[in-house]
Amino acid sequence: MKLKFLVAVLVFWVFNSVNALDLLLAPQCDGNPKNKSQSALDAGKIIGDVYTENSI
């Protein structure tokens, strides 16, 4: 009986925790740097450099 109650509480807690997550959409790749934040531009430059160094 205690085990079933514990499992029920854990399941309830997990579902509430998952529902509390706020997922953000990834920035759109529209080719217009004016629509991006500075941190997104910096990240894009770093990713581009890594691709270039690895001939991708």
N, C-alpha and C. Protein backbone atom coordinates (compact mmCIF):
# COMPACT_ATOMS: atom_id res chain seq x y z
N MET A 1 0.83 -1.20 0.00
CA MET A 1 0.00 0.00 0.00
C MET A 1 0.87 1.26 0.00
N LYS A 2 1.92 1.27 0.86
CA LYS A 2 2.80 2.43 0.92
C LYS A 2 3.57 2.58 -0.39
N LEU A 3 3.93 1.46 -1.00
CA LEU A 3 4.66 1.51 -2.26
C LEU A 3 3.79 2.10 -3.37
N LYS A 4 2.54 1.72 -3.43
CA LYS A 4 1.63 2.27 -4.44
C LYS A 4 1.45 3.77 -4.24
N PHE A 5 1.34 4.19 -2.98
CA PHE A 5 1.19 5.62 -2.70
C PHE A 5 2.45 6.37 -3.13
N LEU A 6 3.62 5.82 -2.82
CA LEU A 6 4.88 6.45 -3.20
C LEU A 6 5.01 6.56 -4.71
N VAL A 7 4.65 5.51 -5.42
CA VAL A 7 4.70 5.53 -6.88
C VAL A 7 3.74 6.58 -7.42
N ALA A 8 2.54 6.65 -6.87
CA ALA A 8 1.56 7.63 -7.33
C ALA A 8 2.07 9.05 -7.11
N VAL A 9 2.67 9.31 -5.95
CA VAL A 9 3.22 10.64 -5.66
C VAL A 9 4.35 10.97 -6.62
N LEU A 10 5.23 10.01 -6.88
CA LEU A 10 6.35 10.25 -7.81
C LEU A 10 5.85 10.52 -9.22
N VAL A 11 4.87 9.77 -9.67
CA VAL A 11 4.32 9.99 -11.01
C VAL A 11 3.68 11.37 -11.09
N PHE A 12 2.93 11.74 -10.08
CA PHE A 12 2.29 13.07 -10.05
C PHE A 12 3.36 14.16 -10.08
N TRP A 13 4.43 13.99 -9.29
CA TRP A 13 5.50 14.99 -9.22
C TRP A 13 6.22 15.12 -10.56
N VAL A 14 6.49 14.00 -11.21
CA VAL A 14 7.19 14.03 -12.50
C VAL A 14 6.34 14.74 -13.55
N PHE A 15 5.04 14.41 -13.60
CA PHE A 15 4.19 15.06 -14.60
C PHE A 15 4.06 16.56 -14.34
N ASN A 16 3.99 16.97 -13.10
CA ASN A 16 3.94 18.39 -12.80
C ASN A 16 5.24 19.09 -13.16
N SER A 17 6.36 18.42 -12.94
CA SER A 17 7.66 19.01 -13.27
C SER A 17 7.81 19.17 -14.78
N VAL A 18 7.37 18.17 -15.53
CA VAL A 18 7.47 18.23 -16.99
C VAL A 18 6.59 19.35 -17.53
N ASN A 19 5.41 19.51 -16.99
CA ASN A 19 4.51 20.55 -17.46
C ASN A 19 5.01 21.94 -17.12
N ALA A 20 5.87 22.05 -16.12
CA ALA A 20 6.39 23.35 -15.72
C ALA A 20 7.51 23.84 -16.62
N LEU A 21 8.06 22.96 -17.46
CA LEU A 21 9.14 23.37 -18.34
C LEU A 21 8.63 24.34 -19.40
N ASP A 22 9.40 25.36 -19.63
CA ASP A 22 9.06 26.34 -20.66
C ASP A 22 10.05 26.18 -21.79
N LEU A 23 9.62 25.56 -22.87
CA LEU A 23 10.52 25.31 -23.99
C LEU A 23 10.50 26.50 -24.94
N LEU A 24 11.67 26.97 -25.26
CA LEU A 24 11.80 28.10 -26.18
C LEU A 24 12.05 27.57 -27.58
N LEU A 25 11.53 28.27 -28.55
CA LEU A 25 11.78 27.90 -29.94
C LEU A 25 13.17 28.35 -30.34
N ALA A 26 13.78 27.57 -31.18
CA ALA A 26 15.10 27.94 -31.70
C ALA A 26 14.97 29.16 -32.60
N PRO A 27 16.01 30.00 -32.66
CA PRO A 27 15.96 31.15 -33.56
C PRO A 27 15.78 30.70 -35.01
N GLN A 28 15.01 31.43 -35.75
CA GLN A 28 14.76 31.10 -37.15
C GLN A 28 15.96 31.50 -38.00
N CYS A 29 16.28 30.68 -38.96
CA CYS A 29 17.38 30.96 -39.88
C CYS A 29 16.78 31.62 -41.12
N ASP A 30 16.61 32.93 -41.05
CA ASP A 30 16.00 33.65 -42.16
C ASP A 30 17.01 34.46 -42.97
N GLY A 31 18.29 34.39 -42.58
CA GLY A 31 19.33 35.10 -43.32
C GLY A 31 19.40 36.59 -43.00
N ASN A 32 18.63 37.05 -42.04
CA ASN A 32 18.63 38.46 -41.68
C ASN A 32 19.21 38.62 -40.28
N PRO A 33 20.46 39.09 -40.17
CA PRO A 33 21.09 39.22 -38.86
C PRO A 33 20.43 40.28 -37.97
N LYS A 34 19.63 41.15 -38.54
CA LYS A 34 18.97 42.18 -37.73
C LYS A 34 17.90 41.58 -36.82
N ASN A 35 17.45 40.36 -37.14
CA ASN A 35 16.42 39.71 -36.33
C ASN A 35 17.01 38.87 -35.20
N LYS A 36 18.33 38.87 -35.02
CA LYS A 36 19.00 38.02 -34.05
C LYS A 36 19.57 38.84 -32.90
N SER A 37 19.64 38.23 -31.74
CA SER A 37 20.31 38.87 -30.61
C SER A 37 21.82 38.74 -30.79
N GLN A 38 22.56 39.52 -30.04
CA GLN A 38 24.02 39.46 -30.15
C GLN A 38 24.54 38.09 -29.73
N SER A 39 23.92 37.48 -28.73
CA SER A 39 24.38 36.16 -28.30
C SER A 39 24.12 35.11 -29.38
N ALA A 40 23.02 35.24 -30.11
CA ALA A 40 22.75 34.30 -31.21
C ALA A 40 23.75 34.50 -32.34
N LEU A 41 24.11 35.74 -32.62
CA LEU A 41 25.11 36.02 -33.66
C LEU A 41 26.48 35.47 -33.26
N ASP A 42 26.84 35.65 -31.98
CA ASP A 42 28.12 35.12 -31.49
C ASP A 42 28.15 33.60 -31.58
N ALA A 43 27.06 32.95 -31.19
CA ALA A 43 26.99 31.49 -31.25
C ALA A 43 27.09 31.01 -32.69
N GLY A 44 26.43 31.69 -33.60
CA GLY A 44 26.50 31.32 -35.02
C GLY A 44 27.91 31.43 -35.57
N LYS A 45 28.64 32.47 -35.14
CA LYS A 45 30.02 32.62 -35.59
C LYS A 45 30.88 31.48 -35.07
N ILE A 46 30.71 31.11 -33.81
CA ILE A 46 31.49 30.01 -33.23
C ILE A 46 31.19 28.70 -33.95
N ILE A 47 29.92 28.45 -34.19
CA ILE A 47 29.52 27.21 -34.89
C ILE A 47 30.10 27.21 -36.30
N GLY A 48 30.04 28.35 -36.98
CA GLY A 48 30.61 28.45 -38.32
C GLY A 48 32.10 28.20 -38.33
N ASP A 49 32.80 28.71 -37.32
CA ASP A 49 34.25 28.48 -37.22
C ASP A 49 34.56 27.00 -37.03
N VAL A 50 33.77 26.33 -36.20
CA VAL A 50 33.99 24.90 -35.96
C VAL A 50 33.75 24.13 -37.26
N TYR A 51 32.70 24.47 -37.98
CA TYR A 51 32.42 23.80 -39.27
C TYR A 51 33.58 24.02 -40.24
N THR A 52 34.09 25.25 -40.32
CA THR A 52 35.19 25.55 -41.22
C THR A 52 36.44 24.78 -40.86
N GLU A 53 36.75 24.72 -39.57
CA GLU A 53 37.95 23.99 -39.13
C GLU A 53 37.86 22.50 -39.44
N ASN A 54 36.65 21.96 -39.49
CA ASN A 54 36.46 20.53 -39.74
C ASN A 54 36.03 20.24 -41.18
N SER A 55 36.18 21.22 -42.07
CA SER A 55 35.84 21.08 -43.48
C SER A 55 34.42 20.58 -43.70
N ILE A 56 33.51 21.15 -42.95
CA ILE A 56 32.09 20.78 -43.10
C ILE A 56 31.38 21.89 -43.86
